[in-house]
PDB file of N, CA and C in Angstrom:
ATOM      1  N   UNK A   1     -25.771   4.977 -13.591  1.00  0.00           N
ATOM      2  CA  UNK A   1     -25.413   5.999 -12.644  1.00  0.00           C
ATOM      3  C   UNK A   1     -26.609   6.204 -11.709  1.00  0.00           C
ATOM      4  N   UNK A   2     -26.366   6.239 -10.444  1.00  0.00           N
ATOM      5  CA  UNK A   2     -27.427   6.409  -9.462  1.00  0.00           C
ATOM      6  C   UNK A   2     -27.445   7.830  -8.926  1.00  0.00           C
ATOM      7  N   UNK A   3     -28.620   8.298  -8.560  1.00  0.00           N
ATOM      8  CA  UNK A   3     -28.739   9.651  -8.015  1.00  0.00           C
ATOM      9  C   UNK A   3     -28.031   9.791  -6.678  1.00  0.00           C
ATOM     10  N   UNK A   4     -27.937   8.701  -5.948  1.00  0.00           N
ATOM     11  CA  UNK A   4     -27.305   8.802  -4.631  1.00  0.00           C
ATOM     12  C   UNK A   4     -25.809   9.093  -4.721  1.00  0.00           C
ATOM     13  N   UNK A   5     -25.239   8.987  -5.901  1.00  0.00           N
ATOM     14  CA  UNK A   5     -23.831   9.315  -6.090  1.00  0.00           C
ATOM     15  C   UNK A   5     -23.586  10.821  -6.083  1.00  0.00           C
ATOM     16  N   UNK A   6     -24.639  11.605  -6.174  1.00  0.00           N
ATOM     17  CA  UNK A   6     -24.517  13.052  -6.251  1.00  0.00           C
ATOM     18  C   UNK A   6     -24.980  13.699  -4.958  1.00  0.00           C
ATOM     19  N   UNK A   7     -24.411  14.862  -4.693  1.00  0.00           N
ATOM     20  CA  UNK A   7     -24.833  15.667  -3.551  1.00  0.00           C
ATOM     21  C   UNK A   7     -25.789  16.726  -4.082  1.00  0.00           C
ATOM     22  N   UNK A   8     -27.063  16.578  -3.787  1.00  0.00           N
ATOM     23  CA  UNK A   8     -28.050  17.514  -4.301  1.00  0.00           C
ATOM     24  C   UNK A   8     -29.072  17.842  -3.230  1.00  0.00           C
ATOM     25  N   UNK A   9     -29.779  18.935  -3.460  1.00  0.00           N
ATOM     26  CA  UNK A   9     -30.809  19.381  -2.531  1.00  0.00           C
ATOM     27  C   UNK A   9     -32.070  19.680  -3.333  1.00  0.00           C
ATOM     28  N   UNK A  10     -33.190  19.159  -2.893  1.00  0.00           N
ATOM     29  CA  UNK A  10     -34.457  19.408  -3.567  1.00  0.00           C
ATOM     30  C   UNK A  10     -35.111  20.617  -2.919  1.00  0.00           C
ATOM     31  N   UNK A  11     -35.458  21.593  -3.752  1.00  0.00           N
ATOM     32  CA  UNK A  11     -36.075  22.819  -3.258  1.00  0.00           C
ATOM     33  C   UNK A  11     -37.444  22.948  -3.911  1.00  0.00           C
ATOM     34  N   UNK A  12     -38.478  23.121  -3.091  1.00  0.00           N
ATOM     35  CA  UNK A  12     -39.831  23.298  -3.616  1.00  0.00           C
ATOM     36  C   UNK A  12     -40.033  24.768  -3.963  1.00  0.00           C
ATOM     37  N   UNK A  13     -40.477  25.007  -5.186  1.00  0.00           N
ATOM     38  CA  UNK A  13     -40.770  26.362  -5.624  1.00  0.00           C
ATOM     39  C   UNK A  13     -42.279  26.528  -5.737  1.00  0.00           C
ATOM     40  N   UNK A  14     -42.762  27.685  -5.337  1.00  0.00           N
ATOM     41  CA  UNK A  14     -44.193  27.948  -5.471  1.00  0.00           C
ATOM     42  C   UNK A  14     -44.540  28.085  -6.947  1.00  0.00           C
ATOM     43  N   UNK A  15     -45.809  27.935  -7.265  1.00  0.00           N
ATOM     44  CA  UNK A  15     -46.255  28.038  -8.650  1.00  0.00           C
ATOM     45  C   UNK A  15     -45.905  29.362  -9.286  1.00  0.00           C
ATOM     46  N   UNK A  16     -45.898  30.438  -8.505  1.00  0.00           N
ATOM     47  CA  UNK A  16     -45.570  31.763  -9.036  1.00  0.00           C
ATOM     48  C   UNK A  16     -44.121  31.854  -9.491  1.00  0.00           C
ATOM     49  N   UNK A  17     -43.247  30.997  -8.945  1.00  0.00           N
ATOM     50  CA  UNK A  17     -41.816  31.072  -9.269  1.00  0.00           C
ATOM     51  C   UNK A  17     -41.419  30.124 -10.394  1.00  0.00           C
ATOM     52  N   UNK A  18     -42.361  29.391 -10.948  1.00  0.00           N
ATOM     53  CA  UNK A  18     -41.998  28.472 -12.027  1.00  0.00           C
ATOM     54  C   UNK A  18     -42.900  28.620 -13.248  1.00  0.00           C
ATOM     55  N   UNK A  19     -43.155  29.855 -13.607  1.00  0.00           N
ATOM     56  CA  UNK A  19     -43.970  30.125 -14.790  1.00  0.00           C
ATOM     57  C   UNK A  19     -43.288  29.625 -16.058  1.00  0.00           C
ATOM     58  N   UNK A  20     -41.966  29.633 -16.074  1.00  0.00           N
ATOM     59  CA  UNK A  20     -41.231  29.157 -17.244  1.00  0.00           C
ATOM     60  C   UNK A  20     -41.529  27.692 -17.528  1.00  0.00           C
ATOM     61  N   UNK A  21     -41.652  26.885 -16.469  1.00  0.00           N
ATOM     62  CA  UNK A  21     -41.949  25.465 -16.662  1.00  0.00           C
ATOM     63  C   UNK A  21     -43.350  25.290 -17.231  1.00  0.00           C
ATOM     64  N   UNK A  22     -44.292  26.087 -16.754  1.00  0.00           N
ATOM     65  CA  UNK A  22     -45.657  26.012 -17.264  1.00  0.00           C
ATOM     66  C   UNK A  22     -45.693  26.433 -18.725  1.00  0.00           C
ATOM     67  N   UNK A  23     -44.947  27.461 -19.060  1.00  0.00           N
ATOM     68  CA  UNK A  23     -44.911  27.926 -20.450  1.00  0.00           C
ATOM     69  C   UNK A  23     -44.320  26.855 -21.358  1.00  0.00           C
ATOM     70  N   UNK A  24     -43.291  26.173 -20.907  1.00  0.00           N
ATOM     71  CA  UNK A  24     -42.685  25.122 -21.716  1.00  0.00           C
ATOM     72  C   UNK A  24     -43.632  23.950 -21.913  1.00  0.00           C
ATOM     73  N   UNK A  25     -44.383  23.611 -20.870  1.00  0.00           N
ATOM     74  CA  UNK A  25     -45.294  22.475 -20.990  1.00  0.00           C
ATOM     75  C   UNK A  25     -46.467  22.800 -21.901  1.00  0.00           C
ATOM     76  N   UNK A  26     -46.752  24.065 -22.113  1.00  0.00           N
ATOM     77  CA  UNK A  26     -47.868  24.461 -22.970  1.00  0.00           C
ATOM     78  C   UNK A  26     -47.413  24.903 -24.359  1.00  0.00           C
ATOM     79  N   UNK A  27     -46.132  24.814 -24.654  1.00  0.00           N
ATOM     80  CA  UNK A  27     -45.637  25.266 -25.950  1.00  0.00           C
ATOM     81  C   UNK A  27     -46.300  24.445 -27.056  1.00  0.00           C
ATOM     82  N   UNK A  28     -46.925  25.090 -28.025  1.00  0.00           N
ATOM     83  CA  UNK A  28     -47.659  24.340 -29.050  1.00  0.00           C
ATOM     84  C   UNK A  28     -46.721  23.647 -30.032  1.00  0.00           C
ATOM     85  N   UNK A  29     -46.828  22.357 -30.097  1.00  0.00           N
ATOM     86  CA  UNK A  29     -46.053  21.568 -31.038  1.00  0.00           C
ATOM     87  C   UNK A  29     -47.037  20.703 -31.805  1.00  0.00           C
ATOM     88  N   UNK A  30     -47.010  20.823 -33.104  1.00  0.00           N
ATOM     89  CA  UNK A  30     -47.926  20.033 -33.914  1.00  0.00           C
ATOM     90  C   UNK A  30     -47.180  18.839 -34.475  1.00  0.00           C
ATOM     91  N   UNK A  31     -47.636  17.657 -34.151  1.00  0.00           N
ATOM     92  CA  UNK A  31     -47.048  16.436 -34.677  1.00  0.00           C
ATOM     93  C   UNK A  31     -47.868  16.029 -35.894  1.00  0.00           C
ATOM     94  N   UNK A  32     -47.189  15.830 -37.011  1.00  0.00           N
ATOM     95  CA  UNK A  32     -47.906  15.481 -38.232  1.00  0.00           C
ATOM     96  C   UNK A  32     -48.061  13.975 -38.336  1.00  0.00           C
ATOM     97  N   UNK A  33     -49.246  13.546 -38.693  1.00  0.00           N
ATOM     98  CA  UNK A  33     -49.485  12.127 -38.917  1.00  0.00           C
ATOM     99  C   UNK A  33     -48.846  11.724 -40.242  1.00  0.00           C
ATOM    100  N   UNK A  34     -48.647  10.417 -40.417  1.00  0.00           N
ATOM    101  CA  UNK A  34     -48.070   9.927 -41.666  1.00  0.00           C
ATOM    102  C   UNK A  34     -48.958  10.273 -42.857  1.00  0.00           C
ATOM    103  N   UNK A  35     -50.275  10.245 -42.647  1.00  0.00           N
ATOM    104  CA  UNK A  35     -51.213  10.569 -43.721  1.00  0.00           C
ATOM    105  C   UNK A  35     -51.059  12.023 -44.148  1.00  0.00           C
ATOM    106  N   UNK A  36     -50.992  12.925 -43.168  1.00  0.00           N
ATOM    107  CA  UNK A  36     -50.828  14.345 -43.476  1.00  0.00           C
ATOM    108  C   UNK A  36     -49.480  14.599 -44.142  1.00  0.00           C
ATOM    109  N   UNK A  37     -48.442  13.921 -43.677  1.00  0.00           N
ATOM    110  CA  UNK A  37     -47.114  14.070 -44.274  1.00  0.00           C
ATOM    111  C   UNK A  37     -47.134  13.653 -45.741  1.00  0.00           C
ATOM    112  N   UNK A  38     -47.768  12.518 -46.029  1.00  0.00           N
ATOM    113  CA  UNK A  38     -47.849  12.041 -47.411  1.00  0.00           C
ATOM    114  C   UNK A  38     -48.664  13.001 -48.276  1.00  0.00           C
ATOM    115  N   UNK A  39     -49.781  13.497 -47.742  1.00  0.00           N
ATOM    116  CA  UNK A  39     -50.597  14.471 -48.479  1.00  0.00           C
ATOM    117  C   UNK A  39     -49.787  15.729 -48.780  1.00  0.00           C
ATOM    118  N   UNK A  40     -49.000  16.178 -47.801  1.00  0.00           N
ATOM    119  CA  UNK A  40     -48.189  17.382 -47.969  1.00  0.00           C
ATOM    120  C   UNK A  40     -47.105  17.170 -49.023  1.00  0.00           C
ATOM    121  N   UNK A  41     -46.430  16.020 -48.974  1.00  0.00           N
ATOM    122  CA  UNK A  41     -45.406  15.714 -49.983  1.00  0.00           C
ATOM    123  C   UNK A  41     -46.007  15.732 -51.385  1.00  0.00           C
ATOM    124  N   UNK A  42     -47.151  15.064 -51.539  1.00  0.00           N
ATOM    125  CA  UNK A  42     -47.791  14.997 -52.855  1.00  0.00           C
ATOM    126  C   UNK A  42     -48.236  16.379 -53.330  1.00  0.00           C
ATOM    127  N   UNK A  43     -48.825  17.156 -52.429  1.00  0.00           N
ATOM    128  CA  UNK A  43     -49.298  18.494 -52.800  1.00  0.00           C
ATOM    129  C   UNK A  43     -48.127  19.407 -53.150  1.00  0.00           C
ATOM    130  N   UNK A  44     -47.011  19.286 -52.412  1.00  0.00           N
ATOM    131  CA  UNK A  44     -45.837  20.103 -52.740  1.00  0.00           C
ATOM    132  C   UNK A  44     -45.265  19.716 -54.104  1.00  0.00           C
ATOM    133  N   UNK A  45     -45.277  18.419 -54.422  1.00  0.00           N
ATOM    134  CA  UNK A  45     -44.723  17.995 -55.716  1.00  0.00           C
ATOM    135  C   UNK A  45     -45.616  18.410 -56.886  1.00  0.00           C
ATOM    136  N   UNK A  46     -46.896  18.723 -56.611  1.00  0.00           N
ATOM    137  CA  UNK A  46     -47.812  19.196 -57.654  1.00  0.00           C
ATOM    138  C   UNK A  46     -47.843  20.723 -57.766  1.00  0.00           C
ATOM    139  N   UNK A  47     -47.215  21.417 -56.831  1.00  0.00           N
ATOM    140  CA  UNK A  47     -47.235  22.882 -56.801  1.00  0.00           C
ATOM    141  C   UNK A  47     -46.020  23.415 -57.575  1.00  0.00           C
ATOM    142  N   UNK A  48     -46.277  24.111 -58.684  1.00  0.00           N
ATOM    143  CA  UNK A  48     -45.188  24.582 -59.554  1.00  0.00           C
ATOM    144  C   UNK A  48     -44.208  25.503 -58.835  1.00  0.00           C
ATOM    145  N   UNK A  49     -44.716  26.392 -58.005  1.00  0.00           N
ATOM    146  CA  UNK A  49     -43.840  27.312 -57.274  1.00  0.00           C
ATOM    147  C   UNK A  49     -42.908  26.585 -56.320  1.00  0.00           C
ATOM    148  N   UNK A  50     -43.436  25.579 -55.636  1.00  0.00           N
ATOM    149  CA  UNK A  50     -42.617  24.815 -54.687  1.00  0.00           C
ATOM    150  C   UNK A  50     -41.601  23.964 -55.433  1.00  0.00           C
ATOM    151  N   UNK A  51     -42.009  23.379 -56.555  1.00  0.00           N
ATOM    152  CA  UNK A  51     -41.066  22.596 -57.363  1.00  0.00           C
ATOM    153  C   UNK A  51     -39.913  23.490 -57.826  1.00  0.00           C
ATOM    154  N   UNK A  52     -40.223  24.715 -58.221  1.00  0.00           N
ATOM    155  CA  UNK A  52     -39.186  25.669 -58.635  1.00  0.00           C
ATOM    156  C   UNK A  52     -38.245  25.981 -57.475  1.00  0.00           C
ATOM    157  N   UNK A  53     -38.815  26.238 -56.289  1.00  0.00           N
ATOM    158  CA  UNK A  53     -37.980  26.521 -55.111  1.00  0.00           C
ATOM    159  C   UNK A  53     -37.081  25.338 -54.773  1.00  0.00           C
ATOM    160  N   UNK A  54     -37.628  24.129 -54.835  1.00  0.00           N
ATOM    161  CA  UNK A  54     -36.819  22.937 -54.550  1.00  0.00           C
ATOM    162  C   UNK A  54     -35.668  22.815 -55.540  1.00  0.00           C
ATOM    163  N   UNK A  55     -35.924  23.206 -56.795  1.00  0.00           N
ATOM    164  CA  UNK A  55     -34.872  23.175 -57.809  1.00  0.00           C
ATOM    165  C   UNK A  55     -33.750  24.158 -57.525  1.00  0.00           C
ATOM    166  N   UNK A  56     -34.078  25.268 -56.871  1.00  0.00           N
ATOM    167  CA  UNK A  56     -33.069  26.281 -56.541  1.00  0.00           C
ATOM    168  C   UNK A  56     -32.205  25.879 -55.345  1.00  0.00           C
ATOM    169  N   UNK A  57     -32.665  24.927 -54.557  1.00  0.00           N
ATOM    170  CA  UNK A  57     -31.911  24.540 -53.356  1.00  0.00           C
ATOM    171  C   UNK A  57     -30.520  24.033 -53.698  1.00  0.00           C
ATOM    172  N   UNK A  58     -30.407  23.239 -54.740  1.00  0.00           N
ATOM    173  CA  UNK A  58     -29.114  22.671 -55.120  1.00  0.00           C
ATOM    174  C   UNK A  58     -28.125  23.702 -55.621  1.00  0.00           C
ATOM    175  N   UNK A  59     -28.621  24.831 -56.124  1.00  0.00           N
ATOM    176  CA  UNK A  59     -27.730  25.852 -56.682  1.00  0.00           C
ATOM    177  C   UNK A  59     -27.173  26.785 -55.613  1.00  0.00           C
ATOM    178  N   UNK A  60     -27.677  26.677 -54.394  1.00  0.00           N
ATOM    179  CA  UNK A  60     -27.194  27.522 -53.308  1.00  0.00           C
ATOM    180  C   UNK A  60     -27.732  28.934 -53.349  1.00  0.00           C
ATOM    181  N   UNK A  61     -28.775  29.174 -54.140  1.00  0.00           N
ATOM    182  CA  UNK A  61     -29.347  30.516 -54.264  1.00  0.00           C
ATOM    183  C   UNK A  61     -30.309  30.873 -53.142  1.00  0.00           C
ATOM    184  N   UNK A  62     -30.648  29.925 -52.306  1.00  0.00           N
ATOM    185  CA  UNK A  62     -31.624  30.208 -51.259  1.00  0.00           C
ATOM    186  C   UNK A  62     -31.139  29.681 -49.920  1.00  0.00           C
ATOM    187  N   UNK A  63     -30.882  30.600 -48.997  1.00  0.00           N
ATOM    188  CA  UNK A  63     -30.461  30.196 -47.660  1.00  0.00           C
ATOM    189  C   UNK A  63     -31.643  30.095 -46.711  1.00  0.00           C
ATOM    190  N   UNK A  64     -32.782  30.657 -47.108  1.00  0.00           N
ATOM    191  CA  UNK A  64     -33.957  30.650 -46.239  1.00  0.00           C
ATOM    192  C   UNK A  64     -34.742  29.351 -46.328  1.00  0.00           C
ATOM    193  N   UNK A  65     -34.551  28.585 -47.396  1.00  0.00           N
ATOM    194  CA  UNK A  65     -35.323  27.365 -47.607  1.00  0.00           C
ATOM    195  C   UNK A  65     -34.442  26.140 -47.452  1.00  0.00           C
ATOM    196  N   UNK A  66     -35.051  25.038 -47.007  1.00  0.00           N
ATOM    197  CA  UNK A  66     -34.349  23.763 -46.950  1.00  0.00           C
ATOM    198  C   UNK A  66     -35.371  22.642 -47.078  1.00  0.00           C
ATOM    199  N   UNK A  67     -34.893  21.471 -47.417  1.00  0.00           N
ATOM    200  CA  UNK A  67     -35.769  20.322 -47.610  1.00  0.00           C
ATOM    201  C   UNK A  67     -35.398  19.231 -46.609  1.00  0.00           C
ATOM    202  N   UNK A  68     -36.414  18.675 -45.963  1.00  0.00           N
ATOM    203  CA  UNK A  68     -36.221  17.551 -45.045  1.00  0.00           C
ATOM    204  C   UNK A  68     -37.315  16.527 -45.336  1.00  0.00           C
ATOM    205  N   UNK A  69     -36.904  15.291 -45.583  1.00  0.00           N
ATOM    206  CA  UNK A  69     -37.855  14.212 -45.882  1.00  0.00           C
ATOM    207  C   UNK A  69     -38.791  14.589 -47.031  1.00  0.00           C
ATOM    208  N   UNK A  70     -38.220  15.219 -48.049  1.00  0.00           N
ATOM    209  CA  UNK A  70     -38.945  15.610 -49.263  1.00  0.00           C
ATOM    210  C   UNK A  70     -39.993  16.699 -49.035  1.00  0.00           C
ATOM    211  N   UNK A  71     -39.939  17.380 -47.897  1.00  0.00           N
ATOM    212  CA  UNK A  71     -40.858  18.476 -47.600  1.00  0.00           C
ATOM    213  C   UNK A  71     -40.047  19.762 -47.514  1.00  0.00           C
ATOM    214  N   UNK A  72     -40.528  20.808 -48.191  1.00  0.00           N
ATOM    215  CA  UNK A  72     -39.835  22.092 -48.218  1.00  0.00           C
ATOM    216  C   UNK A  72     -40.229  22.931 -47.007  1.00  0.00           C
ATOM    217  N   UNK A  73     -39.220  23.488 -46.338  1.00  0.00           N
ATOM    218  CA  UNK A  73     -39.410  24.349 -45.169  1.00  0.00           C
ATOM    219  C   UNK A  73     -38.754  25.699 -45.441  1.00  0.00           C
ATOM    220  N   UNK A  74     -39.153  26.689 -44.643  1.00  0.00           N
ATOM    221  CA  UNK A  74     -38.532  28.010 -44.725  1.00  0.00           C
ATOM    222  C   UNK A  74     -38.160  28.464 -43.319  1.00  0.00           C
ATOM    223  N   UNK A  75     -36.961  29.048 -43.184  1.00  0.00           N
ATOM    224  CA  UNK A  75     -36.544  29.664 -41.926  1.00  0.00           C
ATOM    225  C   UNK A  75     -37.102  31.077 -41.868  1.00  0.00           C
ATOM    226  N   UNK A  76     -37.791  31.402 -40.775  1.00  0.00           N
ATOM    227  CA  UNK A  76     -38.275  32.759 -40.532  1.00  0.00           C
ATOM    228  C   UNK A  76     -37.946  33.094 -39.087  1.00  0.00           C
ATOM    229  N   UNK A  77     -37.084  34.068 -38.885  1.00  0.00           N
ATOM    230  CA  UNK A  77     -36.662  34.474 -37.539  1.00  0.00           C
ATOM    231  C   UNK A  77     -36.184  33.290 -36.702  1.00  0.00           C
ATOM    232  N   UNK A  78     -35.415  32.397 -37.321  1.00  0.00           N
ATOM    233  CA  UNK A  78     -34.839  31.267 -36.609  1.00  0.00           C
ATOM    234  C   UNK A  78     -35.781  30.100 -36.388  1.00  0.00           C
ATOM    235  N   UNK A  79     -37.002  30.194 -36.883  1.00  0.00           N
ATOM    236  CA  UNK A  79     -37.966  29.099 -36.730  1.00  0.00           C
ATOM    237  C   UNK A  79     -38.224  28.451 -38.082  1.00  0.00           C
ATOM    238  N   UNK A  80     -38.571  27.162 -38.047  1.00  0.00           N
ATOM    239  CA  UNK A  80     -38.855  26.420 -39.273  1.00  0.00           C
ATOM    240  C   UNK A  80     -40.355  26.410 -39.547  1.00  0.00           C
ATOM    241  N   UNK A  81     -40.722  26.714 -40.781  1.00  0.00           N
ATOM    242  CA  UNK A  81     -42.121  26.673 -41.198  1.00  0.00           C
ATOM    243  C   UNK A  81     -42.235  25.830 -42.458  1.00  0.00           C
ATOM    244  N   UNK A  82     -43.287  25.034 -42.539  1.00  0.00           N
ATOM    245  CA  UNK A  82     -43.558  24.261 -43.744  1.00  0.00           C
ATOM    246  C   UNK A  82     -44.046  25.223 -44.822  1.00  0.00           C
ATOM    247  N   UNK A  83     -43.549  25.044 -46.029  1.00  0.00           N
ATOM    248  CA  UNK A  83     -44.035  25.832 -47.157  1.00  0.00           C
ATOM    249  C   UNK A  83     -45.334  25.173 -47.618  1.00  0.00           C
ATOM    250  N   UNK A  84     -46.435  25.874 -47.414  1.00  0.00           N
ATOM    251  CA  UNK A  84     -47.759  25.308 -47.693  1.00  0.00           C
ATOM    252  C   UNK A  84     -48.075  25.389 -49.180  1.00  0.00           C
ATOM    253  N   UNK A  85     -48.354  24.246 -49.797  1.00  0.00           N
ATOM    254  CA  UNK A  85     -48.765  24.275 -51.198  1.00  0.00           C
ATOM    255  C   UNK A  85     -50.117  24.970 -51.330  1.00  0.00           C
ATOM    256  N   UNK A  86     -50.321  25.669 -52.429  1.00  0.00           N
ATOM    257  CA  UNK A  86     -51.549  26.461 -52.580  1.00  0.00           C
ATOM    258  C   UNK A  86     -52.807  25.612 -52.444  1.00  0.00           C
ATOM    259  N   UNK A  87     -52.768  24.372 -52.877  1.00  0.00           N
ATOM    260  CA  UNK A  87     -53.936  23.505 -52.798  1.00  0.00           C
ATOM    261  C   UNK A  87     -54.277  23.023 -51.402  1.00  0.00           C
ATOM    262  N   UNK A  88     -53.360  23.205 -50.448  1.00  0.00           N
ATOM    263  CA  UNK A  88     -53.607  22.729 -49.077  1.00  0.00           C
ATOM    264  C   UNK A  88     -53.663  23.854 -48.055  1.00  0.00           C
ATOM    265  N   UNK A  89     -53.520  25.091 -48.470  1.00  0.00           N
ATOM    266  CA  UNK A  89     -53.420  26.185 -47.504  1.00  0.00           C
ATOM    267  C   UNK A  89     -54.631  26.276 -46.585  1.00  0.00           C
ATOM    268  N   UNK A  90     -55.827  26.169 -47.132  1.00  0.00           N
ATOM    269  CA  UNK A  90     -57.032  26.253 -46.306  1.00  0.00           C
ATOM    270  C   UNK A  90     -57.079  25.111 -45.297  1.00  0.00           C
ATOM    271  N   UNK A  91     -56.756  23.905 -45.752  1.00  0.00           N
ATOM    272  CA  UNK A  91     -56.774  22.741 -44.865  1.00  0.00           C
ATOM    273  C   UNK A  91     -55.729  22.869 -43.757  1.00  0.00           C
ATOM    274  N   UNK A  92     -54.537  23.337 -44.095  1.00  0.00           N
ATOM    275  CA  UNK A  92     -53.476  23.499 -43.099  1.00  0.00           C
ATOM    276  C   UNK A  92     -53.870  24.547 -42.065  1.00  0.00           C
ATOM    277  N   UNK A  93     -54.432  25.656 -42.512  1.00  0.00           N
ATOM    278  CA  UNK A  93     -54.879  26.698 -41.576  1.00  0.00           C
ATOM    279  C   UNK A  93     -55.933  26.138 -40.630  1.00  0.00           C
ATOM    280  N   UNK A  94     -56.858  25.349 -41.151  1.00  0.00           N
ATOM    281  CA  UNK A  94     -57.908  24.746 -40.319  1.00  0.00           C
ATOM    282  C   UNK A  94     -57.303  23.808 -39.273  1.00  0.00           C
ATOM    283  N   UNK A  95     -56.353  22.966 -39.678  1.00  0.00           N
ATOM    284  CA  UNK A  95     -55.714  22.022 -38.749  1.00  0.00           C
ATOM    285  C   UNK A  95     -54.975  22.775 -37.654  1.00  0.00           C
ATOM    286  N   UNK A  96     -54.202  23.783 -38.028  1.00  0.00           N
ATOM    287  CA  UNK A  96     -53.442  24.552 -37.041  1.00  0.00           C
ATOM    288  C   UNK A  96     -54.383  25.288 -36.100  1.00  0.00           C
ATOM    289  N   UNK A  97     -55.462  25.838 -36.641  1.00  0.00           N
ATOM    290  CA  UNK A  97     -56.442  26.540 -35.805  1.00  0.00           C
ATOM    291  C   UNK A  97     -57.051  25.590 -34.776  1.00  0.00           C
ATOM    292  N   UNK A  98     -57.436  24.398 -35.210  1.00  0.00           N
ATOM    293  CA  UNK A  98     -58.052  23.432 -34.297  1.00  0.00           C
ATOM    294  C   UNK A  98     -57.063  22.944 -33.242  1.00  0.00           C
ATOM    295  N   UNK A  99     -55.792  22.809 -33.603  1.00  0.00           N
ATOM    296  CA  UNK A  99     -54.779  22.360 -32.639  1.00  0.00           C
ATOM    297  C   UNK A  99     -54.479  23.432 -31.603  1.00  0.00           C
ATOM    298  N   UNK A 100     -54.790  24.681 -31.904  1.00  0.00           N
ATOM    299  CA  UNK A 100     -54.497  25.776 -30.984  1.00  0.00           C
ATOM    300  C   UNK A 100     -55.486  25.920 -29.853  1.00  0.00           C
ATOM    301  N   UNK A 101     -56.607  25.233 -29.930  1.00  0.00           N
ATOM    302  CA  UNK A 101     -57.619  25.331 -28.882  1.00  0.00           C
ATOM    303  C   UNK A 101     -57.405  24.247 -27.841  1.00  0.00           C
ATOM    304  N   UNK A 102     -57.601  24.618 -26.584  1.00  0.00           N
ATOM    305  CA  UNK A 102     -57.510  23.632 -25.519  1.00  0.00           C
ATOM    306  C   UNK A 102     -58.719  22.715 -25.582  1.00  0.00           C
ATOM    307  N   UNK A 103     -58.514  21.496 -25.185  1.00  0.00           N
ATOM    308  CA  UNK A 103     -59.645  20.579 -25.088  1.00  0.00           C
ATOM    309  C   UNK A 103     -60.328  20.795 -23.748  1.00  0.00           C
ATOM    310  N   UNK A 104     -61.233  19.909 -23.396  1.00  0.00           N
ATOM    311  CA  UNK A 104     -61.950  20.018 -22.125  1.00  0.00           C
ATOM    312  C   UNK A 104     -60.970  19.956 -20.963  1.00  0.00           C
ATOM    313  N   UNK A 105     -59.965  19.081 -21.072  1.00  0.00           N
ATOM    314  CA  UNK A 105     -58.991  18.899 -19.991  1.00  0.00           C
ATOM    315  C   UNK A 105     -57.744  19.709 -20.291  1.00  0.00           C
ATOM    316  N   UNK A 106     -57.721  20.957 -19.853  1.00  0.00           N
ATOM    317  CA  UNK A 106     -56.563  21.830 -20.048  1.00  0.00           C
ATOM    318  C   UNK A 106     -55.440  21.366 -19.123  1.00  0.00           C
ATOM    319  N   UNK A 107     -54.220  21.268 -19.666  1.00  0.00           N
ATOM    320  CA  UNK A 107     -53.094  20.817 -18.831  1.00  0.00           C
ATOM    321  C   UNK A 107     -52.509  21.963 -18.063  1.00  0.00           C
TER     322      UNK A 107
END
């Protein structure tokens, strides 16, 4: 499909009128590396509380928790959060904190 098939008009908006686009481009998204994913899976499988929660998923007793790719998540206000195993909580907080800072080249 070609753009010339459509009747459209390009309108230039000043920077003040497109704050929503800037906010979307700066939305923090953390991509997990395969190494971190594997560490998280292993740590969750060693955490007794998380193993218990995973066991409850099949019984339908928990609507707030779900499992994806062997990692346990929790819904909080419509957002998905990883359930942090106790042995990795400090490391996860450090990673998230470091990802929240802009680098030298702010976009």
